[in-house]
Amino acid sequence: MANNEKVEFGECKEQPSEANNKQPAADVISGYLKDLINSRDLQEVIETQNFILSRFEKTNETLSRVSALCEVRYEAINSDFRKHIVMLQEMKQGLDSVFKRIRLLRQTIKTRYPEAYQACEVSWTPPDDDVEQDQSVT
C-alpha cells in the first residue's frame, strides 16, 4: 500500500497472518481508513478544530464573566427598584390621605358655612385636573 495503490473497501492486499488475526477488527478498519486520509489535510482539520475550540473557550469565559456582572448589577437594580416601589406606594397612600382630608374639610365647611362655601364656589372654580383627580381618588 505504500506505493499509492488504491484499495477498495473490503479488499485486502495483505495476507492474513497470525499477528493480524490478534488485532481487533476496529483497529484493522481504522488502519485502512488512516491510509486513505491525507495526513496533511487531517493535521489542518485538527489545527482548525483546536483554533475553534480555543475561540469557543474564550467566548464562553467572556460570556460567563458578563453573566456574573449582569447578575450582580441586576440584584442591585432589583433592590433599588423594590425600594422605589415601596416608596411610591407610601407616597400614594399619603396623597390618598391628603385628598381624603381635603374632601372631609370641604364637606365640613360646606355643612357649617353653606353660604360662604357657595360664594367661594361661584367666585372660584377649580381647574379640571384637580376635579378629575379628586373624583378619581374617591
N, C-alpha and C. Protein backbone atom coordinates (compact mmCIF):
# COMPACT_ATOMS: atom_id res chain seq x y z
N MET A 1 0.81 -1.19 0.00
CA MET A 1 0.00 0.00 0.00
C MET A 1 0.85 1.25 0.00
N ALA A 2 2.08 1.14 0.25
CA ALA A 2 2.98 2.27 0.30
C ALA A 2 3.20 2.88 -1.08
N ASN A 3 2.96 2.14 -2.14
CA ASN A 3 3.18 2.66 -3.48
C ASN A 3 1.89 3.19 -4.09
N ASN A 4 1.03 3.80 -3.28
CA ASN A 4 -0.19 4.50 -3.69
C ASN A 4 -1.17 3.66 -4.49
N GLU A 5 -1.25 2.39 -4.18
CA GLU A 5 -2.28 1.57 -4.81
C GLU A 5 -3.58 1.85 -4.08
N LYS A 6 -4.64 1.95 -4.86
CA LYS A 6 -5.94 2.17 -4.25
C LYS A 6 -6.51 0.82 -3.83
N VAL A 7 -7.03 0.82 -2.64
CA VAL A 7 -7.61 -0.41 -2.12
C VAL A 7 -9.09 -0.15 -1.90
N GLU A 8 -9.89 -0.98 -2.45
CA GLU A 8 -11.33 -0.86 -2.27
C GLU A 8 -11.70 -1.38 -0.89
N PHE A 9 -12.77 -0.84 -0.36
CA PHE A 9 -13.22 -1.27 0.95
C PHE A 9 -13.59 -2.74 0.88
N GLY A 10 -13.12 -3.49 1.81
CA GLY A 10 -13.40 -4.92 1.84
C GLY A 10 -12.31 -5.73 1.15
N GLU A 11 -11.47 -5.07 0.39
CA GLU A 11 -10.39 -5.76 -0.31
C GLU A 11 -9.14 -5.66 0.54
N CYS A 12 -8.45 -6.72 0.66
CA CYS A 12 -7.26 -6.74 1.49
C CYS A 12 -6.09 -7.23 0.66
N LYS A 13 -5.03 -6.43 0.56
CA LYS A 13 -3.86 -6.80 -0.22
C LYS A 13 -2.96 -7.72 0.59
N GLU A 14 -2.96 -7.56 1.93
CA GLU A 14 -2.07 -8.37 2.75
C GLU A 14 -2.76 -9.69 3.07
N GLN A 15 -1.96 -10.68 3.15
CA GLN A 15 -2.47 -11.99 3.54
C GLN A 15 -2.65 -12.01 5.05
N PRO A 16 -3.75 -12.55 5.51
CA PRO A 16 -3.93 -12.61 6.96
C PRO A 16 -2.85 -13.47 7.59
N SER A 17 -2.29 -12.95 8.61
CA SER A 17 -1.28 -13.70 9.35
C SER A 17 -1.73 -13.84 10.78
N GLU A 18 -0.95 -14.51 11.54
CA GLU A 18 -1.32 -14.73 12.92
C GLU A 18 -1.30 -13.42 13.71
N ALA A 19 -0.40 -12.47 13.34
CA ALA A 19 -0.31 -11.18 14.02
C ALA A 19 -1.53 -10.33 13.71
N ASN A 20 -2.01 -10.37 12.44
CA ASN A 20 -3.19 -9.61 12.06
C ASN A 20 -4.45 -10.18 12.68
N ASN A 21 -4.49 -11.46 12.91
CA ASN A 21 -5.68 -12.08 13.48
C ASN A 21 -5.89 -11.66 14.94
N LYS A 22 -4.81 -11.27 15.61
CA LYS A 22 -4.93 -10.88 17.00
C LYS A 22 -5.42 -9.45 17.17
N GLN A 23 -5.37 -8.62 16.11
CA GLN A 23 -5.84 -7.24 16.18
C GLN A 23 -7.37 -7.22 16.12
N PRO A 24 -7.98 -6.35 16.91
CA PRO A 24 -9.44 -6.22 16.81
C PRO A 24 -9.82 -5.66 15.44
N ALA A 25 -11.02 -5.99 15.01
CA ALA A 25 -11.50 -5.56 13.69
C ALA A 25 -11.53 -4.04 13.58
N ALA A 26 -11.86 -3.36 14.67
CA ALA A 26 -11.91 -1.89 14.64
C ALA A 26 -10.54 -1.31 14.34
N ASP A 27 -9.49 -1.91 14.90
CA ASP A 27 -8.14 -1.41 14.63
C ASP A 27 -7.76 -1.63 13.17
N VAL A 28 -8.16 -2.75 12.62
CA VAL A 28 -7.85 -3.04 11.23
C VAL A 28 -8.55 -2.03 10.31
N ILE A 29 -9.83 -1.78 10.58
CA ILE A 29 -10.61 -0.84 9.76
C ILE A 29 -10.06 0.57 9.91
N SER A 30 -9.74 0.95 11.15
CA SER A 30 -9.21 2.30 11.34
C SER A 30 -7.85 2.44 10.65
N GLY A 31 -7.07 1.36 10.60
CA GLY A 31 -5.80 1.39 9.88
C GLY A 31 -6.02 1.62 8.39
N TYR A 32 -7.00 0.94 7.82
CA TYR A 32 -7.30 1.14 6.40
C TYR A 32 -7.76 2.56 6.13
N LEU A 33 -8.63 3.08 7.03
CA LEU A 33 -9.14 4.43 6.83
C LEU A 33 -8.02 5.47 7.00
N LYS A 34 -7.10 5.20 7.91
CA LYS A 34 -5.98 6.11 8.12
C LYS A 34 -5.12 6.21 6.85
N ASP A 35 -4.99 5.10 6.15
CA ASP A 35 -4.20 5.10 4.91
C ASP A 35 -4.91 5.87 3.81
N LEU A 36 -6.23 5.95 3.86
CA LEU A 36 -6.98 6.64 2.82
C LEU A 36 -6.98 8.16 2.99
N ILE A 37 -6.72 8.64 4.21
CA ILE A 37 -6.79 10.07 4.50
C ILE A 37 -5.40 10.68 4.39
N ASN A 38 -5.34 11.83 3.76
CA ASN A 38 -4.09 12.56 3.64
C ASN A 38 -3.75 13.14 5.01
N SER A 39 -2.55 12.84 5.52
CA SER A 39 -2.19 13.26 6.87
C SER A 39 -2.07 14.78 6.98
N ARG A 40 -1.67 15.45 5.93
CA ARG A 40 -1.57 16.92 5.96
C ARG A 40 -2.96 17.54 6.09
N ASP A 41 -3.95 17.01 5.33
CA ASP A 41 -5.32 17.51 5.45
C ASP A 41 -5.87 17.24 6.84
N LEU A 42 -5.56 16.07 7.36
CA LEU A 42 -6.02 15.71 8.70
C LEU A 42 -5.41 16.66 9.74
N GLN A 43 -4.15 16.99 9.58
CA GLN A 43 -3.49 17.90 10.50
C GLN A 43 -4.12 19.29 10.43
N GLU A 44 -4.46 19.76 9.22
CA GLU A 44 -5.13 21.06 9.07
C GLU A 44 -6.48 21.05 9.75
N VAL A 45 -7.23 19.96 9.61
CA VAL A 45 -8.54 19.85 10.25
C VAL A 45 -8.37 19.90 11.78
N ILE A 46 -7.38 19.19 12.29
CA ILE A 46 -7.15 19.18 13.74
C ILE A 46 -6.75 20.57 14.23
N GLU A 47 -5.88 21.26 13.49
CA GLU A 47 -5.48 22.61 13.88
C GLU A 47 -6.67 23.57 13.86
N THR A 48 -7.50 23.45 12.83
CA THR A 48 -8.69 24.29 12.73
C THR A 48 -9.63 24.01 13.89
N GLN A 49 -9.82 22.75 14.22
CA GLN A 49 -10.69 22.39 15.34
C GLN A 49 -10.12 22.93 16.66
N ASN A 50 -8.82 22.83 16.84
CA ASN A 50 -8.20 23.38 18.06
C ASN A 50 -8.36 24.89 18.14
N PHE A 51 -8.19 25.57 17.00
CA PHE A 51 -8.38 27.02 16.96
C PHE A 51 -9.82 27.38 17.32
N ILE A 52 -10.78 26.68 16.72
CA ILE A 52 -12.19 26.95 17.00
C ILE A 52 -12.50 26.64 18.47
N LEU A 53 -11.93 25.56 18.99
CA LEU A 53 -12.14 25.22 20.39
C LEU A 53 -11.63 26.32 21.31
N SER A 54 -10.44 26.83 21.01
CA SER A 54 -9.90 27.91 21.86
C SER A 54 -10.77 29.15 21.77
N ARG A 55 -11.27 29.46 20.58
CA ARG A 55 -12.17 30.62 20.43
C ARG A 55 -13.45 30.41 21.23
N PHE A 56 -14.02 29.21 21.17
CA PHE A 56 -15.23 28.92 21.93
C PHE A 56 -14.97 29.01 23.43
N GLU A 57 -13.81 28.53 23.87
CA GLU A 57 -13.49 28.61 25.30
C GLU A 57 -13.35 30.06 25.74
N LYS A 58 -12.69 30.89 24.92
CA LYS A 58 -12.55 32.31 25.26
C LYS A 58 -13.91 32.99 25.28
N THR A 59 -14.74 32.67 24.28
CA THR A 59 -16.09 33.25 24.21
C THR A 59 -16.90 32.82 25.42
N ASN A 60 -16.81 31.56 25.77
CA ASN A 60 -17.55 31.05 26.92
C ASN A 60 -17.09 31.73 28.21
N GLU A 61 -15.80 31.92 28.35
CA GLU A 61 -15.26 32.61 29.53
C GLU A 61 -15.76 34.05 29.60
N THR A 62 -15.74 34.72 28.45
CA THR A 62 -16.22 36.11 28.39
C THR A 62 -17.70 36.18 28.74
N LEU A 63 -18.48 35.27 28.18
CA LEU A 63 -19.92 35.26 28.47
C LEU A 63 -20.19 34.93 29.93
N SER A 64 -19.38 34.08 30.51
CA SER A 64 -19.54 33.78 31.94
C SER A 64 -19.28 35.01 32.79
N ARG A 65 -18.22 35.77 32.44
CA ARG A 65 -17.93 37.00 33.18
C ARG A 65 -19.04 38.02 33.02
N VAL A 66 -19.54 38.16 31.80
CA VAL A 66 -20.64 39.11 31.54
C VAL A 66 -21.88 38.69 32.31
N SER A 67 -22.15 37.40 32.31
CA SER A 67 -23.31 36.90 33.04
C SER A 67 -23.20 37.17 34.53
N ALA A 68 -22.02 36.95 35.09
CA ALA A 68 -21.81 37.23 36.52
C ALA A 68 -21.98 38.71 36.82
N LEU A 69 -21.43 39.56 35.95
CA LEU A 69 -21.56 41.01 36.14
C LEU A 69 -23.02 41.43 36.04
N CYS A 70 -23.73 40.88 35.07
CA CYS A 70 -25.16 41.20 34.92
C CYS A 70 -25.95 40.75 36.15
N GLU A 71 -25.59 39.62 36.68
CA GLU A 71 -26.30 39.12 37.86
C GLU A 71 -26.11 40.06 39.05
N VAL A 72 -24.89 40.52 39.24
CA VAL A 72 -24.60 41.45 40.35
C VAL A 72 -25.36 42.76 40.15
N ARG A 73 -25.29 43.29 38.94
CA ARG A 73 -25.99 44.56 38.67
C ARG A 73 -27.50 44.40 38.74
N TYR A 74 -28.01 43.26 38.29
CA TYR A 74 -29.44 43.01 38.37
C TYR A 74 -29.91 43.01 39.83
N GLU A 75 -29.14 42.36 40.69
CA GLU A 75 -29.51 42.33 42.11
C GLU A 75 -29.53 43.74 42.70
N ALA A 76 -28.54 44.55 42.34
CA ALA A 76 -28.50 45.93 42.85
C ALA A 76 -29.68 46.74 42.33
N ILE A 77 -29.94 46.63 41.04
CA ILE A 77 -31.05 47.38 40.44
C ILE A 77 -32.38 46.87 40.97
N ASN A 78 -32.50 45.56 41.11
CA ASN A 78 -33.74 44.99 41.61
C ASN A 78 -34.02 45.47 43.03
N SER A 79 -32.98 45.54 43.84
CA SER A 79 -33.13 46.04 45.22
C SER A 79 -33.60 47.50 45.21
N ASP A 80 -32.95 48.32 44.38
CA ASP A 80 -33.36 49.73 44.28
C ASP A 80 -34.79 49.84 43.76
N PHE A 81 -35.11 49.03 42.78
CA PHE A 81 -36.45 49.05 42.20
C PHE A 81 -37.51 48.72 43.25
N ARG A 82 -37.24 47.70 44.05
CA ARG A 82 -38.20 47.33 45.11
C ARG A 82 -38.36 48.47 46.13
N LYS A 83 -37.24 49.12 46.48
CA LYS A 83 -37.31 50.26 47.40
C LYS A 83 -38.16 51.38 46.81
N HIS A 84 -37.97 51.63 45.52
CA HIS A 84 -38.74 52.70 44.88
C HIS A 84 -40.22 52.34 44.79
N ILE A 85 -40.52 51.08 44.57
CA ILE A 85 -41.93 50.66 44.55
C ILE A 85 -42.57 50.91 45.90
N VAL A 86 -41.87 50.54 46.96
CA VAL A 86 -42.39 50.76 48.31
C VAL A 86 -42.58 52.26 48.57
N MET A 87 -41.59 53.05 48.14
CA MET A 87 -41.68 54.49 48.33
C MET A 87 -42.88 55.07 47.57
N LEU A 88 -43.09 54.63 46.32
CA LEU A 88 -44.24 55.11 45.54
C LEU A 88 -45.56 54.69 46.18
N GLN A 89 -45.61 53.48 46.72
CA GLN A 89 -46.84 53.05 47.38
C GLN A 89 -47.12 53.89 48.62
N GLU A 90 -46.06 54.19 49.37
CA GLU A 90 -46.23 55.05 50.55
C GLU A 90 -46.66 56.45 50.15
N MET A 91 -46.06 56.97 49.06
CA MET A 91 -46.45 58.31 48.59
C MET A 91 -47.91 58.31 48.14
N LYS A 92 -48.33 57.26 47.46
CA LYS A 92 -49.73 57.18 47.01
C LYS A 92 -50.66 57.15 48.23
N GLN A 93 -50.30 56.37 49.24
CA GLN A 93 -51.13 56.32 50.46
C GLN A 93 -51.18 57.69 51.13
N GLY A 94 -50.03 58.37 51.16
CA GLY A 94 -50.00 59.72 51.74
C GLY A 94 -50.88 60.68 50.97
N LEU A 95 -50.78 60.65 49.63
CA LEU A 95 -51.62 61.54 48.81
C LEU A 95 -53.10 61.19 48.95
N ASP A 96 -53.41 59.89 49.00
CA ASP A 96 -54.81 59.50 49.20
C ASP A 96 -55.33 60.05 50.53
N SER A 97 -54.48 59.99 51.56
CA SER A 97 -54.86 60.51 52.86
C SER A 97 -55.08 62.03 52.80
N VAL A 98 -54.19 62.73 52.09
CA VAL A 98 -54.32 64.19 51.96
C VAL A 98 -55.62 64.53 51.23
N PHE A 99 -55.89 63.87 50.11
CA PHE A 99 -57.12 64.17 49.36
C PHE A 99 -58.36 63.82 50.17
N LYS A 100 -58.28 62.76 50.95
CA LYS A 100 -59.43 62.38 51.79
C LYS A 100 -59.68 63.47 52.84
N ARG A 101 -58.60 63.97 53.45
CA ARG A 101 -58.76 65.03 54.44
C ARG A 101 -59.28 66.31 53.81
N ILE A 102 -58.82 66.61 52.59
CA ILE A 102 -59.33 67.80 51.88
C ILE A 102 -60.82 67.64 51.62
N ARG A 103 -61.23 66.44 51.18
CA ARG A 103 -62.67 66.22 50.94
C ARG A 103 -63.47 66.36 52.23
N LEU A 104 -62.92 65.81 53.32
CA LEU A 104 -63.61 65.94 54.61
C LEU A 104 -63.70 67.40 55.04
N LEU A 105 -62.61 68.17 54.84
CA LEU A 105 -62.65 69.59 55.18
C LEU A 105 -63.68 70.33 54.33
N ARG A 106 -63.74 70.02 53.06
CA ARG A 106 -64.73 70.65 52.18
C ARG A 106 -66.15 70.34 52.67
N GLN A 107 -66.36 69.06 53.01
CA GLN A 107 -67.69 68.68 53.49
C GLN A 107 -68.02 69.39 54.80
N THR A 108 -67.05 69.47 55.68
CA THR A 108 -67.27 70.14 56.97
C THR A 108 -67.58 71.61 56.75
N ILE A 109 -66.79 72.28 55.90
CA ILE A 109 -67.02 73.70 55.61
C ILE A 109 -68.37 73.88 54.94
N LYS A 110 -68.71 72.96 54.04
CA LYS A 110 -69.99 73.08 53.31
C LYS A 110 -71.17 72.96 54.28
N THR A 111 -71.05 72.06 55.27
CA THR A 111 -72.17 71.90 56.21
C THR A 111 -72.19 73.01 57.26
N ARG A 112 -71.05 73.49 57.72
CA ARG A 112 -71.02 74.51 58.75
C ARG A 112 -71.27 75.91 58.19
N TYR A 113 -70.69 76.18 57.02
CA TYR A 113 -70.81 77.51 56.43
C TYR A 113 -71.31 77.40 54.99
N PRO A 114 -72.58 77.05 54.78
CA PRO A 114 -73.08 76.82 53.41
C PRO A 114 -73.06 78.09 52.56
N GLU A 115 -73.37 79.27 53.12
CA GLU A 115 -73.38 80.48 52.29
C GLU A 115 -71.97 80.86 51.85
N ALA A 116 -71.01 80.80 52.75
CA ALA A 116 -69.63 81.14 52.41
C ALA A 116 -69.06 80.14 51.40
N TYR A 117 -69.39 78.89 51.59
CA TYR A 117 -68.92 77.86 50.66
C TYR A 117 -69.50 78.10 49.27
N GLN A 118 -70.80 78.42 49.22
CA GLN A 118 -71.46 78.70 47.93
C GLN A 118 -70.82 79.91 47.26
N ALA A 119 -70.53 80.95 48.02
CA ALA A 119 -69.91 82.15 47.47
C ALA A 119 -68.51 81.82 46.91
N CYS A 120 -67.78 80.99 47.61
CA CYS A 120 -66.43 80.59 47.13
C CYS A 120 -66.53 79.73 45.87
N GLU A 121 -67.52 78.87 45.81
CA GLU A 121 -67.68 78.02 44.62
C GLU A 121 -68.02 78.85 43.40
N VAL A 122 -68.82 79.91 43.57
CA VAL A 122 -69.20 80.76 42.45
C VAL A 122 -67.99 81.57 41.98
N SER A 123 -67.24 82.15 42.91
CA SER A 123 -66.12 83.01 42.52
C SER A 123 -64.88 82.21 42.09
N TRP A 124 -64.74 80.99 42.57
CA TRP A 124 -63.55 80.21 42.21
C TRP A 124 -63.95 78.81 41.79
N THR A 125 -63.57 78.43 40.58
CA THR A 125 -63.82 77.06 40.12
C THR A 125 -62.46 76.37 39.98
N PRO A 126 -62.33 75.20 40.54
CA PRO A 126 -61.03 74.51 40.47
C PRO A 126 -60.73 74.11 39.03
N PRO A 127 -59.45 74.02 38.68
CA PRO A 127 -59.09 73.56 37.34
C PRO A 127 -59.60 72.14 37.12
N ASP A 128 -59.76 71.79 35.84
CA ASP A 128 -60.32 70.48 35.50
C ASP A 128 -59.46 69.34 36.04
N ASP A 129 -58.15 69.53 36.05
CA ASP A 129 -57.26 68.47 36.51
C ASP A 129 -57.52 68.13 37.96
N ASP A 130 -57.73 69.16 38.80
CA ASP A 130 -57.97 68.91 40.22
C ASP A 130 -59.30 68.20 40.42
N VAL A 131 -60.32 68.59 39.66
CA VAL A 131 -61.64 67.97 39.79
C VAL A 131 -61.54 66.51 39.38
N GLU A 132 -60.86 66.24 38.25
CA GLU A 132 -60.74 64.87 37.78
C GLU A 132 -59.93 64.04 38.78
N GLN A 133 -58.86 64.61 39.31
CA GLN A 133 -58.02 63.93 40.28
C GLN A 133 -58.81 63.63 41.53
N ASP A 134 -59.60 64.65 42.00
CA ASP A 134 -60.39 64.50 43.20
C ASP A 134 -61.44 63.40 43.01
N GLN A 135 -62.05 63.34 41.84
CA GLN A 135 -63.09 62.35 41.58
C GLN A 135 -62.50 60.95 41.40
N SER A 136 -61.30 60.84 40.83
CA SER A 136 -60.72 59.51 40.60
C SER A 136 -60.24 58.88 41.91
N VAL A 137 -59.94 59.70 42.91
CA VAL A 137 -59.48 59.17 44.19
C VAL A 137 -60.64 58.58 44.96
N THR A 138 -61.82 59.11 44.79
CA THR A 138 -62.98 58.63 45.54
C THR A 138 -63.39 57.31 45.17
